Amino acid sequence: MNWQAIGVVAEIVGAVAVVASLFYVGRQMKQTTLAIRGQTFEGLSSATNESTRLFLSDPQLIDITKRGLSGRELSPDEISQYNLVIIIVSAK
């Protein structure tokens, strides 16, 4: 075998290695994307559950929040409660 043939074989092996590494990186990216989606869904579910618990703990908060979101007038105490609800819910 001469040097030219060895060079051709080396180039073919290198090209195969590059293609294999691209497939590997693609698979890793897909797995990472799926993991991030799962974490995002888990976080949203957790935030929804906590918000639901908050409103169920005090049914009056539902009324205050509805009125606050619709722009209707709230008493000073209700404004405080409304602001806290918005901060808690948006922080999740």
N, C-alpha and C. Protein backbone atom coordinates (compact mmCIF):
# COMPACT_ATOMS: atom_id res chain seq x y z
N MET A 1 0.85 -1.17 0.00
CA MET A 1 0.00 0.00 0.00
C MET A 1 0.90 1.24 0.00
N ASN A 2 0.57 2.19 -0.84
CA ASN A 2 1.37 3.40 -0.90
C ASN A 2 0.75 4.50 -0.03
N TRP A 3 1.46 5.60 0.10
CA TRP A 3 1.03 6.69 0.98
C TRP A 3 -0.28 7.34 0.50
N GLN A 4 -0.48 7.36 -0.77
CA GLN A 4 -1.71 7.96 -1.30
C GLN A 4 -2.92 7.12 -0.88
N ALA A 5 -2.83 5.82 -0.94
CA ALA A 5 -3.92 4.93 -0.54
C ALA A 5 -4.18 5.05 0.96
N ILE A 6 -3.10 5.15 1.73
CA ILE A 6 -3.25 5.31 3.18
C ILE A 6 -3.96 6.64 3.48
N GLY A 7 -3.61 7.68 2.74
CA GLY A 7 -4.26 8.99 2.92
C GLY A 7 -5.74 8.94 2.60
N VAL A 8 -6.10 8.22 1.54
CA VAL A 8 -7.52 8.09 1.17
C VAL A 8 -8.28 7.36 2.26
N VAL A 9 -7.71 6.26 2.77
CA VAL A 9 -8.36 5.49 3.85
C VAL A 9 -8.52 6.35 5.10
N ALA A 10 -7.49 7.14 5.41
CA ALA A 10 -7.55 8.02 6.59
C ALA A 10 -8.64 9.08 6.43
N GLU A 11 -8.78 9.61 5.23
CA GLU A 11 -9.84 10.60 4.99
C GLU A 11 -11.22 9.97 5.13
N ILE A 12 -11.38 8.76 4.63
CA ILE A 12 -12.68 8.06 4.75
C ILE A 12 -13.00 7.79 6.22
N VAL A 13 -12.02 7.31 6.96
CA VAL A 13 -12.22 7.06 8.40
C VAL A 13 -12.55 8.36 9.12
N GLY A 14 -11.88 9.44 8.78
CA GLY A 14 -12.17 10.74 9.39
C GLY A 14 -13.57 11.22 9.08
N ALA A 15 -13.99 11.04 7.82
CA ALA A 15 -15.34 11.46 7.43
C ALA A 15 -16.40 10.65 8.17
N VAL A 16 -16.18 9.35 8.30
CA VAL A 16 -17.12 8.49 9.04
C VAL A 16 -17.18 8.93 10.51
N ALA A 17 -16.03 9.25 11.08
CA ALA A 17 -16.00 9.70 12.48
C ALA A 17 -16.77 11.01 12.65
N VAL A 18 -16.62 11.92 11.72
CA VAL A 18 -17.34 13.20 11.80
C VAL A 18 -18.85 12.97 11.72
N VAL A 19 -19.29 12.13 10.78
CA VAL A 19 -20.72 11.84 10.65
C VAL A 19 -21.25 11.18 11.92
N ALA A 20 -20.49 10.21 12.46
CA ALA A 20 -20.92 9.54 13.69
C ALA A 20 -21.02 10.53 14.84
N SER A 21 -20.05 11.44 14.95
CA SER A 21 -20.11 12.42 16.04
C SER A 21 -21.28 13.38 15.87
N LEU A 22 -21.62 13.71 14.65
CA LEU A 22 -22.79 14.58 14.41
C LEU A 22 -24.08 13.88 14.84
N PHE A 23 -24.21 12.60 14.53
CA PHE A 23 -25.38 11.86 14.98
C PHE A 23 -25.44 11.80 16.51
N TYR A 24 -24.29 11.60 17.14
CA TYR A 24 -24.23 11.55 18.60
C TYR A 24 -24.65 12.88 19.22
N VAL A 25 -24.12 13.97 18.69
CA VAL A 25 -24.48 15.30 19.20
C VAL A 25 -25.96 15.58 18.98
N GLY A 26 -26.49 15.19 17.84
CA GLY A 26 -27.92 15.37 17.58
C GLY A 26 -28.77 14.61 18.58
N ARG A 27 -28.37 13.40 18.88
CA ARG A 27 -29.12 12.60 19.86
C ARG A 27 -29.05 13.23 21.25
N GLN A 28 -27.88 13.71 21.63
CA GLN A 28 -27.72 14.37 22.93
C GLN A 28 -28.59 15.63 23.02
N MET A 29 -28.65 16.39 21.94
CA MET A 29 -29.48 17.60 21.92
C MET A 29 -30.96 17.24 22.08
N LYS A 30 -31.38 16.17 21.43
CA LYS A 30 -32.77 15.74 21.54
C LYS A 30 -33.09 15.34 22.98
N GLN A 31 -32.19 14.59 23.62
CA GLN A 31 -32.41 14.18 25.01
C GLN A 31 -32.43 15.39 25.94
N THR A 32 -31.57 16.36 25.70
CA THR A 32 -31.54 17.57 26.53
C THR A 32 -32.83 18.36 26.37
N THR A 33 -33.30 18.47 25.14
CA THR A 33 -34.55 19.19 24.88
C THR A 33 -35.71 18.52 25.59
N LEU A 34 -35.78 17.20 25.54
CA LEU A 34 -36.85 16.48 26.23
C LEU A 34 -36.77 16.68 27.74
N ALA A 35 -35.57 16.68 28.29
CA ALA A 35 -35.41 16.89 29.73
C ALA A 35 -35.85 18.30 30.13
N ILE A 36 -35.50 19.29 29.32
CA ILE A 36 -35.89 20.68 29.62
C ILE A 36 -37.40 20.83 29.54
N ARG A 37 -38.02 20.20 28.53
CA ARG A 37 -39.48 20.25 28.43
C ARG A 37 -40.13 19.64 29.65
N GLY A 38 -39.60 18.52 30.11
CA GLY A 38 -40.14 17.87 31.30
C GLY A 38 -40.03 18.75 32.53
N GLN A 39 -38.87 19.39 32.70
CA GLN A 39 -38.68 20.28 33.84
C GLN A 39 -39.61 21.48 33.77
N THR A 40 -39.80 22.01 32.57
CA THR A 40 -40.70 23.15 32.40
C THR A 40 -42.12 22.77 32.75
N PHE A 41 -42.58 21.60 32.27
CA PHE A 41 -43.93 21.14 32.57
C PHE A 41 -44.09 20.92 34.07
N GLU A 42 -43.08 20.34 34.70
CA GLU A 42 -43.14 20.10 36.14
C GLU A 42 -43.24 21.42 36.90
N GLY A 43 -42.46 22.42 36.48
CA GLY A 43 -42.51 23.72 37.13
C GLY A 43 -43.86 24.40 36.97
N LEU A 44 -44.42 24.33 35.76
CA LEU A 44 -45.75 24.92 35.53
C LEU A 44 -46.82 24.21 36.35
N SER A 45 -46.73 22.89 36.42
CA SER A 45 -47.70 22.13 37.21
C SER A 45 -47.61 22.50 38.68
N SER A 46 -46.39 22.62 39.17
CA SER A 46 -46.19 22.98 40.57
C SER A 46 -46.73 24.37 40.86
N ALA A 47 -46.47 25.32 39.97
CA ALA A 47 -46.96 26.69 40.16
C ALA A 47 -48.48 26.73 40.12
N THR A 48 -49.08 25.96 39.22
CA THR A 48 -50.53 25.91 39.14
C THR A 48 -51.12 25.32 40.41
N ASN A 49 -50.52 24.26 40.91
CA ASN A 49 -51.00 23.64 42.15
C ASN A 49 -50.90 24.60 43.33
N GLU A 50 -49.78 25.31 43.42
CA GLU A 50 -49.62 26.25 44.53
C GLU A 50 -50.61 27.41 44.43
N SER A 51 -50.85 27.89 43.21
CA SER A 51 -51.82 28.98 43.03
C SER A 51 -53.22 28.49 43.39
N THR A 52 -53.54 27.29 42.99
CA THR A 52 -54.86 26.72 43.33
C THR A 52 -55.01 26.60 44.83
N ARG A 53 -53.97 26.10 45.51
CA ARG A 53 -54.03 25.98 46.99
C ARG A 53 -54.23 27.36 47.62
N LEU A 54 -53.55 28.36 47.08
CA LEU A 54 -53.67 29.71 47.62
C LEU A 54 -55.12 30.19 47.55
N PHE A 55 -55.75 30.02 46.38
CA PHE A 55 -57.13 30.48 46.21
C PHE A 55 -58.12 29.64 47.01
N LEU A 56 -57.85 28.34 47.13
CA LEU A 56 -58.75 27.49 47.90
C LEU A 56 -58.64 27.74 49.40
N SER A 57 -57.48 28.23 49.84
CA SER A 57 -57.30 28.50 51.27
C SER A 57 -58.16 29.69 51.72
N ASP A 58 -58.48 30.59 50.80
CA ASP A 58 -59.30 31.75 51.15
C ASP A 58 -60.14 32.11 49.92
N PRO A 59 -61.38 31.60 49.86
CA PRO A 59 -62.23 31.87 48.69
C PRO A 59 -62.44 33.35 48.40
N GLN A 60 -62.30 34.21 49.39
CA GLN A 60 -62.46 35.65 49.18
C GLN A 60 -61.37 36.18 48.24
N LEU A 61 -60.22 35.51 48.22
CA LEU A 61 -59.14 35.94 47.32
C LEU A 61 -59.55 35.83 45.85
N ILE A 62 -60.38 34.85 45.55
CA ILE A 62 -60.85 34.70 44.17
C ILE A 62 -61.64 35.94 43.76
N ASP A 63 -62.55 36.37 44.62
CA ASP A 63 -63.37 37.55 44.32
C ASP A 63 -62.51 38.80 44.22
N ILE A 64 -61.58 38.96 45.16
CA ILE A 64 -60.70 40.14 45.15
C ILE A 64 -59.86 40.15 43.88
N THR A 65 -59.33 38.99 43.50
CA THR A 65 -58.49 38.91 42.31
C THR A 65 -59.30 39.19 41.05
N LYS A 66 -60.50 38.65 40.96
CA LYS A 66 -61.36 38.93 39.80
C LYS A 66 -61.64 40.42 39.68
N ARG A 67 -62.00 41.03 40.81
CA ARG A 67 -62.30 42.46 40.77
C ARG A 67 -61.06 43.29 40.44
N GLY A 68 -59.92 42.88 40.99
CA GLY A 68 -58.68 43.60 40.71
C GLY A 68 -58.28 43.48 39.25
N LEU A 69 -58.42 42.30 38.68
CA LEU A 69 -58.06 42.11 37.28
C LEU A 69 -59.00 42.83 36.33
N SER A 70 -60.26 42.98 36.75
CA SER A 70 -61.22 43.67 35.88
C SER A 70 -61.17 45.18 36.05
N GLY A 71 -60.37 45.66 37.01
CA GLY A 71 -60.22 47.10 37.19
C GLY A 71 -61.27 47.72 38.08
N ARG A 72 -62.08 46.89 38.72
CA ARG A 72 -63.09 47.46 39.63
C ARG A 72 -62.42 47.93 40.91
N GLU A 73 -63.11 48.77 41.63
CA GLU A 73 -62.55 49.39 42.83
C GLU A 73 -62.38 48.37 43.95
N LEU A 74 -61.25 48.51 44.66
CA LEU A 74 -60.96 47.66 45.82
C LEU A 74 -60.67 48.55 47.01
N SER A 75 -60.98 48.04 48.20
CA SER A 75 -60.64 48.78 49.42
C SER A 75 -59.13 48.71 49.62
N PRO A 76 -58.58 49.55 50.50
CA PRO A 76 -57.13 49.50 50.74
C PRO A 76 -56.64 48.12 51.18
N ASP A 77 -57.40 47.45 52.06
CA ASP A 77 -57.01 46.10 52.49
C ASP A 77 -57.07 45.12 51.32
N GLU A 78 -58.08 45.25 50.49
CA GLU A 78 -58.21 44.36 49.33
C GLU A 78 -57.09 44.60 48.32
N ILE A 79 -56.68 45.87 48.18
CA ILE A 79 -55.57 46.18 47.28
C ILE A 79 -54.30 45.49 47.77
N SER A 80 -54.08 45.50 49.08
CA SER A 80 -52.91 44.82 49.64
C SER A 80 -52.97 43.32 49.35
N GLN A 81 -54.15 42.74 49.59
CA GLN A 81 -54.30 41.30 49.32
C GLN A 81 -54.10 41.00 47.83
N TYR A 82 -54.70 41.83 47.00
CA TYR A 82 -54.58 41.64 45.55
C TYR A 82 -53.12 41.72 45.11
N ASN A 83 -52.39 42.72 45.60
CA ASN A 83 -50.98 42.87 45.24
C ASN A 83 -50.16 41.65 45.68
N LEU A 84 -50.44 41.15 46.89
CA LEU A 84 -49.71 39.97 47.36
C LEU A 84 -50.02 38.75 46.50
N VAL A 85 -51.28 38.58 46.13
CA VAL A 85 -51.64 37.46 45.26
C VAL A 85 -50.91 37.55 43.93
N ILE A 86 -50.89 38.73 43.35
CA ILE A 86 -50.22 38.91 42.06
C ILE A 86 -48.72 38.62 42.20
N ILE A 87 -48.11 39.08 43.25
CA ILE A 87 -46.67 38.83 43.47
C ILE A 87 -46.42 37.34 43.64
N ILE A 88 -47.22 36.68 44.45
CA ILE A 88 -47.03 35.25 44.71
C ILE A 88 -47.24 34.43 43.44
N VAL A 89 -48.31 34.72 42.72
CA VAL A 89 -48.62 33.94 41.53
C VAL A 89 -47.60 34.20 40.42
N SER A 90 -47.18 35.45 40.25
CA SER A 90 -46.24 35.76 39.17
C SER A 90 -44.82 35.30 39.50
N ALA A 91 -44.51 35.09 40.78
CA ALA A 91 -43.16 34.65 41.16
C ALA A 91 -42.96 33.18 40.85
N LYS A 92 -44.01 32.46 40.62
CA LYS A 92 -43.88 31.00 40.38
C LYS A 92 -43.47 30.75 39.01
